[in-house]
PDB file of N, CA and C in Angstrom:
ATOM      1  N   MET A   1      46.323 104.626 108.066  1.00  0.00           N
ATOM      2  CA  MET A   1      47.744 104.292 108.169  1.00  0.00           C
ATOM      3  C   MET A   1      48.329 105.048 109.355  1.00  0.00           C
ATOM      4  N   GLU A   2      49.252 104.421 110.028  1.00  0.00           N
ATOM      5  CA  GLU A   2      49.885 105.038 111.191  1.00  0.00           C
ATOM      6  C   GLU A   2      50.585 106.338 110.787  1.00  0.00           C
ATOM      7  N   ASN A   3      50.958 107.113 111.788  1.00  0.00           N
ATOM      8  CA  ASN A   3      51.676 108.360 111.498  1.00  0.00           C
ATOM      9  C   ASN A   3      52.994 108.024 110.818  1.00  0.00           C
ATOM     10  N   ILE A   4      53.084 108.381 109.576  1.00  0.00           N
ATOM     11  CA  ILE A   4      54.285 108.104 108.784  1.00  0.00           C
ATOM     12  C   ILE A   4      54.457 109.252 107.799  1.00  0.00           C
ATOM     13  N   THR A   5      55.669 109.628 107.568  1.00  0.00           N
ATOM     14  CA  THR A   5      55.919 110.694 106.595  1.00  0.00           C
ATOM     15  C   THR A   5      55.917 110.106 105.187  1.00  0.00           C
ATOM     16  N   TYR A   6      55.750 110.985 104.222  1.00  0.00           N
ATOM     17  CA  TYR A   6      55.800 110.551 102.824  1.00  0.00           C
ATOM     18  C   TYR A   6      57.144 109.887 102.541  1.00  0.00           C
ATOM     19  N   GLU A   7      58.207 110.511 103.023  1.00  0.00           N
ATOM     20  CA  GLU A   7      59.550 109.991 102.754  1.00  0.00           C
ATOM     21  C   GLU A   7      59.735 108.597 103.349  1.00  0.00           C
ATOM     22  N   ALA A   8      59.241 108.382 104.559  1.00  0.00           N
ATOM     23  CA  ALA A   8      59.360 107.064 105.195  1.00  0.00           C
ATOM     24  C   ALA A   8      58.534 106.025 104.449  1.00  0.00           C
ATOM     25  N   ALA A   9      57.340 106.409 104.026  1.00  0.00           N
ATOM     26  CA  ALA A   9      56.481 105.492 103.272  1.00  0.00           C
ATOM     27  C   ALA A   9      57.137 105.122 101.947  1.00  0.00           C
ATOM     28  N   PHE A  10      57.693 106.119 101.264  1.00  0.00           N
ATOM     29  CA  PHE A  10      58.334 105.877  99.973  1.00  0.00           C
ATOM     30  C   PHE A  10      59.555 104.972 100.146  1.00  0.00           C
ATOM     31  N   LYS A  11      60.319 105.223 101.200  1.00  0.00           N
ATOM     32  CA  LYS A  11      61.511 104.408 101.454  1.00  0.00           C
ATOM     33  C   LYS A  11      61.113 102.953 101.747  1.00  0.00           C
ATOM     34  N   GLU A  12      60.079 102.777 102.546  1.00  0.00           N
ATOM     35  CA  GLU A  12      59.612 101.420 102.835  1.00  0.00           C
ATOM     36  C   GLU A  12      59.111 100.736 101.564  1.00  0.00           C
ATOM     37  N   LEU A  13      58.424 101.488 100.725  1.00  0.00           N
ATOM     38  CA  LEU A  13      57.936 100.946  99.456  1.00  0.00           C
ATOM     39  C   LEU A  13      59.098 100.520  98.566  1.00  0.00           C
ATOM     40  N   GLU A  14      60.151 101.335  98.528  1.00  0.00           N
ATOM     41  CA  GLU A  14      61.344 100.965  97.760  1.00  0.00           C
ATOM     42  C   GLU A  14      61.967  99.675  98.295  1.00  0.00           C
ATOM     43  N   THR A  15      62.009  99.544  99.609  1.00  0.00           N
ATOM     44  CA  THR A  15      62.579  98.346 100.226  1.00  0.00           C
ATOM     45  C   THR A  15      61.764  97.107  99.856  1.00  0.00           C
ATOM     46  N   ILE A  16      60.455  97.215  99.961  1.00  0.00           N
ATOM     47  CA  ILE A  16      59.594  96.086  99.609  1.00  0.00           C
ATOM     48  C   ILE A  16      59.768  95.724  98.140  1.00  0.00           C
ATOM     49  N   THR A  17      59.810  96.725  97.286  1.00  0.00           N
ATOM     50  CA  THR A  17      59.987  96.486  95.850  1.00  0.00           C
ATOM     51  C   THR A  17      61.296  95.770  95.577  1.00  0.00           C
ATOM     52  N   ARG A  18      62.348  96.223  96.208  1.00  0.00           N
ATOM     53  CA  ARG A  18      63.669  95.607  96.028  1.00  0.00           C
ATOM     54  C   ARG A  18      63.649  94.151  96.509  1.00  0.00           C
ATOM     55  N   GLU A  19      63.011  93.912  97.654  1.00  0.00           N
ATOM     56  CA  GLU A  19      62.924  92.547  98.180  1.00  0.00           C
ATOM     57  C   GLU A  19      62.177  91.625  97.224  1.00  0.00           C
ATOM     58  N   ILE A  20      61.085  92.128  96.656  1.00  0.00           N
ATOM     59  CA  ILE A  20      60.300  91.313  95.725  1.00  0.00           C
ATOM     60  C   ILE A  20      61.078  91.076  94.436  1.00  0.00           C
ATOM     61  N   GLU A  21      61.716  92.121  93.926  1.00  0.00           N
ATOM     62  CA  GLU A  21      62.475  91.993  92.674  1.00  0.00           C
ATOM     63  C   GLU A  21      63.652  91.033  92.798  1.00  0.00           C
ATOM     64  N   THR A  22      64.278  91.023  93.970  1.00  0.00           N
ATOM     65  CA  THR A  22      65.441  90.143  94.159  1.00  0.00           C
ATOM     66  C   THR A  22      65.044  88.786  94.721  1.00  0.00           C
ATOM     67  N   GLU A  23      63.735  88.597  94.815  1.00  0.00           N
ATOM     68  CA  GLU A  23      63.184  87.325  95.297  1.00  0.00           C
ATOM     69  C   GLU A  23      63.686  86.960  96.690  1.00  0.00           C
ATOM     70  N   SER A  24      63.933  87.966  97.518  1.00  0.00           N
ATOM     71  CA  SER A  24      64.383  87.701  98.878  1.00  0.00           C
ATOM     72  C   SER A  24      63.208  87.599  99.854  1.00  0.00           C
ATOM     73  N   VAL A  25      61.990  87.632  99.314  1.00  0.00           N
ATOM     74  CA  VAL A  25      60.792  87.505 100.132  1.00  0.00           C
ATOM     75  C   VAL A  25      60.274  86.076  99.990  1.00  0.00           C
ATOM     76  N   SER A  26      60.053  85.427 101.110  1.00  0.00           N
ATOM     77  CA  SER A  26      59.532  84.063 101.049  1.00  0.00           C
ATOM     78  C   SER A  26      58.072  84.089 100.610  1.00  0.00           C
ATOM     79  N   VAL A  27      57.649  83.005 100.059  1.00  0.00           N
ATOM     80  CA  VAL A  27      56.272  82.878  99.590  1.00  0.00           C
ATOM     81  C   VAL A  27      55.299  83.091 100.752  1.00  0.00           C
ATOM     82  N   ASP A  28      55.709  82.705 101.936  1.00  0.00           N
ATOM     83  CA  ASP A  28      54.847  82.826 103.108  1.00  0.00           C
ATOM     84  C   ASP A  28      54.510  84.270 103.465  1.00  0.00           C
ATOM     85  N   VAL A  29      55.393  85.197 103.169  1.00  0.00           N
ATOM     86  CA  VAL A  29      55.142  86.598 103.520  1.00  0.00           C
ATOM     87  C   VAL A  29      54.902  87.486 102.295  1.00  0.00           C
ATOM     88  N   LEU A  30      54.909  86.893 101.119  1.00  0.00           N
ATOM     89  CA  LEU A  30      54.748  87.666  99.890  1.00  0.00           C
ATOM     90  C   LEU A  30      53.421  88.421  99.871  1.00  0.00           C
ATOM     91  N   ALA A  31      52.330  87.752 100.181  1.00  0.00           N
ATOM     92  CA  ALA A  31      51.014  88.410 100.165  1.00  0.00           C
ATOM     93  C   ALA A  31      50.979  89.569 101.151  1.00  0.00           C
ATOM     94  N   GLU A  32      51.583  89.385 102.319  1.00  0.00           N
ATOM     95  CA  GLU A  32      51.640  90.444 103.329  1.00  0.00           C
ATOM     96  C   GLU A  32      52.421  91.647 102.806  1.00  0.00           C
ATOM     97  N   LYS A  33      53.541  91.396 102.148  1.00  0.00           N
ATOM     98  CA  LYS A  33      54.364  92.480 101.596  1.00  0.00           C
ATOM     99  C   LYS A  33      53.613  93.222 100.485  1.00  0.00           C
ATOM    100  N   VAL A  34      52.920  92.478  99.637  1.00  0.00           N
ATOM    101  CA  VAL A  34      52.167  93.101  98.539  1.00  0.00           C
ATOM    102  C   VAL A  34      51.030  93.946  99.100  1.00  0.00           C
ATOM    103  N   LYS A  35      50.370  93.457 100.126  1.00  0.00           N
ATOM    104  CA  LYS A  35      49.285  94.210 100.764  1.00  0.00           C
ATOM    105  C   LYS A  35      49.833  95.500 101.384  1.00  0.00           C
ATOM    106  N   ARG A  36      50.963  95.415 102.050  1.00  0.00           N
ATOM    107  CA  ARG A  36      51.590  96.596 102.658  1.00  0.00           C
ATOM    108  C   ARG A  36      52.010  97.583 101.564  1.00  0.00           C
ATOM    109  N   ALA A  37      52.578  97.072 100.483  1.00  0.00           N
ATOM    110  CA  ALA A  37      52.985  97.938  99.368  1.00  0.00           C
ATOM    111  C   ALA A  37      51.781  98.662  98.788  1.00  0.00           C
ATOM    112  N   SER A  38      50.671  97.967  98.652  1.00  0.00           N
ATOM    113  CA  SER A  38      49.449  98.582  98.132  1.00  0.00           C
ATOM    114  C   SER A  38      48.984  99.718  99.041  1.00  0.00           C
ATOM    115  N   ALA A  39      49.012  99.493 100.350  1.00  0.00           N
ATOM    116  CA  ALA A  39      48.618 100.531 101.301  1.00  0.00           C
ATOM    117  C   ALA A  39      49.566 101.725 101.225  1.00  0.00           C
ATOM    118  N   LEU A  40      50.852 101.458 101.081  1.00  0.00           N
ATOM    119  CA  LEU A  40      51.832 102.546 100.977  1.00  0.00           C
ATOM    120  C   LEU A  40      51.642 103.347  99.694  1.00  0.00           C
ATOM    121  N   ILE A  41      51.344 102.668  98.605  1.00  0.00           N
ATOM    122  CA  ILE A  41      51.095 103.359  97.332  1.00  0.00           C
ATOM    123  C   ILE A  41      49.882 104.269  97.473  1.00  0.00           C
ATOM    124  N   ASP A  42      48.802 103.756  98.057  1.00  0.00           N
ATOM    125  CA  ASP A  42      47.606 104.578  98.268  1.00  0.00           C
ATOM    126  C   ASP A  42      47.931 105.804  99.119  1.00  0.00           C
ATOM    127  N   TYR A  43      48.675 105.592 100.197  1.00  0.00           N
ATOM    128  CA  TYR A  43      49.046 106.693 101.081  1.00  0.00           C
ATOM    129  C   TYR A  43      49.853 107.750 100.323  1.00  0.00           C
ATOM    130  N   CYS A  44      50.860 107.304  99.580  1.00  0.00           N
ATOM    131  CA  CYS A  44      51.720 108.243  98.845  1.00  0.00           C
ATOM    132  C   CYS A  44      50.927 109.011  97.789  1.00  0.00           C
ATOM    133  N   GLN A  45      50.056 108.315  97.063  1.00  0.00           N
ATOM    134  CA  GLN A  45      49.245 108.988  96.048  1.00  0.00           C
ATOM    135  C   GLN A  45      48.337 110.042  96.682  1.00  0.00           C
ATOM    136  N   ASN A  46      47.696 109.684  97.797  1.00  0.00           N
ATOM    137  CA  ASN A  46      46.821 110.632  98.483  1.00  0.00           C
ATOM    138  C   ASN A  46      47.604 111.827  99.017  1.00  0.00           C
ATOM    139  N   LYS A  47      48.786 111.567  99.556  1.00  0.00           N
ATOM    140  CA  LYS A  47      49.630 112.649 100.077  1.00  0.00           C
ATOM    141  C   LYS A  47      50.045 113.598  98.951  1.00  0.00           C
ATOM    142  N   LEU A  48      50.408 113.034  97.797  1.00  0.00           N
ATOM    143  CA  LEU A  48      50.800 113.870  96.655  1.00  0.00           C
ATOM    144  C   LEU A  48      49.618 114.699  96.152  1.00  0.00           C
ATOM    145  N   ARG A  49      48.444 114.086  96.060  1.00  0.00           N
ATOM    146  CA  ARG A  49      47.256 114.830  95.616  1.00  0.00           C
ATOM    147  C   ARG A  49      46.931 115.965  96.585  1.00  0.00           C
ATOM    148  N   SER A  50      46.991 115.657  97.874  1.00  0.00           N
ATOM    149  CA  SER A  50      46.701 116.655  98.894  1.00  0.00           C
ATOM    150  C   SER A  50      47.692 117.822  98.809  1.00  0.00           C
ATOM    151  N   THR A  51      48.948 117.504  98.652  1.00  0.00           N
ATOM    152  CA  THR A  51      49.981 118.536  98.548  1.00  0.00           C
ATOM    153  C   THR A  51      49.785 119.363  97.281  1.00  0.00           C
ATOM    154  N   GLU A  52      49.461 118.700  96.185  1.00  0.00           N
ATOM    155  CA  GLU A  52      49.220 119.411  94.924  1.00  0.00           C
ATOM    156  C   GLU A  52      48.049 120.386  95.073  1.00  0.00           C
ATOM    157  N   ASN A  53      46.978 119.945  95.716  1.00  0.00           N
ATOM    158  CA  ASN A  53      45.822 120.824  95.937  1.00  0.00           C
ATOM    159  C   ASN A  53      46.188 122.001  96.825  1.00  0.00           C
ATOM    160  N   GLU A  54      46.930 121.739  97.869  1.00  0.00           N
ATOM    161  CA  GLU A  54      47.334 122.801  98.793  1.00  0.00           C
ATOM    162  C   GLU A  54      48.222 123.834  98.098  1.00  0.00           C
ATOM    163  N   VAL A  55      49.181 123.356  97.319  1.00  0.00           N
ATOM    164  CA  VAL A  55      50.061 124.268  96.586  1.00  0.00           C
ATOM    165  C   VAL A  55      49.253 125.072  95.569  1.00  0.00           C
ATOM    166  N   GLY A  56      48.297 124.425  94.902  1.00  0.00           N
ATOM    167  CA  GLY A  56      47.431 125.127  93.952  1.00  0.00           C
ATOM    168  C   GLY A  56      46.661 126.260  94.609  1.00  0.00           C
ATOM    169  N   LYS A  57      46.131 125.997  95.804  1.00  0.00           N
ATOM    170  CA  LYS A  57      45.394 127.029  96.536  1.00  0.00           C
ATOM    171  C   LYS A  57      46.306 128.191  96.907  1.00  0.00           C
ATOM    172  N   ILE A  58      47.518 127.877  97.333  1.00  0.00           N
ATOM    173  CA  ILE A  58      48.479 128.927  97.710  1.00  0.00           C
ATOM    174  C   ILE A  58      48.824 129.779  96.495  1.00  0.00           C
ATOM    175  N   ILE A  59      49.052 129.144  95.365  1.00  0.00           N
ATOM    176  CA  ILE A  59      49.384 129.889  94.134  1.00  0.00           C
ATOM    177  C   ILE A  59      48.223 130.778  93.723  1.00  0.00           C
ATOM    178  N   LYS A  60      46.987 130.260  93.792  1.00  0.00           N
ATOM    179  CA  LYS A  60      45.819 131.081  93.446  1.00  0.00           C
ATOM    180  C   LYS A  60      45.719 132.287  94.368  1.00  0.00           C
ATOM    181  N   GLN A  61      45.970 132.052  95.660  1.00  0.00           N
ATOM    182  CA  GLN A  61      45.914 133.152  96.623  1.00  0.00           C
ATOM    183  C   GLN A  61      47.001 134.185  96.328  1.00  0.00           C
ATOM    184  N   MET A  62      48.197 133.717  95.980  1.00  0.00           N
ATOM    185  CA  MET A  62      49.281 134.647  95.638  1.00  0.00           C
ATOM    186  C   MET A  62      48.928 135.452  94.407  1.00  0.00           C
ATOM    187  N   ASP A  63      48.323 134.801  93.402  1.00  0.00           N
ATOM    188  CA  ASP A  63      47.913 135.500  92.186  1.00  0.00           C
ATOM    189  C   ASP A  63      46.846 136.541  92.503  1.00  0.00           C
ATOM    190  N   ALA A  64      45.894 136.191  93.356  1.00  0.00           N
ATOM    191  CA  ALA A  64      44.839 137.121  93.740  1.00  0.00           C
ATOM    192  C   ALA A  64      45.410 138.300  94.510  1.00  0.00           C
ATOM    193  N   ASP A  65      46.361 138.040  95.384  1.00  0.00           N
ATOM    194  CA  ASP A  65      46.983 139.119  96.154  1.00  0.00           C
ATOM    195  C   ASP A  65      47.764 140.075  95.260  1.00  0.00           C
ATOM    196  N   GLN A  66      48.400 139.556  94.209  1.00  0.00           N
ATOM    197  CA  GLN A  66      49.180 140.402  93.306  1.00  0.00           C
ATOM    198  C   GLN A  66      48.277 141.274  92.430  1.00  0.00           C
ATOM    199  N   GLN A  67      47.068 140.812  92.158  1.00  0.00           N
ATOM    200  CA  GLN A  67      46.157 141.565  91.295  1.00  0.00           C
ATOM    201  C   GLN A  67      45.453 142.696  92.045  1.00  0.00           C
ATOM    202  N   GLU A  68      45.538 142.691  93.359  1.00  0.00           N
ATOM    203  CA  GLU A  68      44.877 143.735  94.159  1.00  0.00           C
ATOM    204  C   GLU A  68      45.642 145.007  94.173  1.00  0.00           C
TER     205      GLU A  68
END
């Protein structure tokens, strides 16, 4: 995926969701929008997992530093 922030990806995903829910997406571009939404969901999930792992490592390091 191109360089995009989590916030931008989430905002775009919200926009696509709103368009689909309000039926403002034509049938001709629906598959394209769903494919893009799927890619954005994957990106956001991976970003959240990565951030969770990074924060976990930082917390473990802080705990180890406090025990010394």
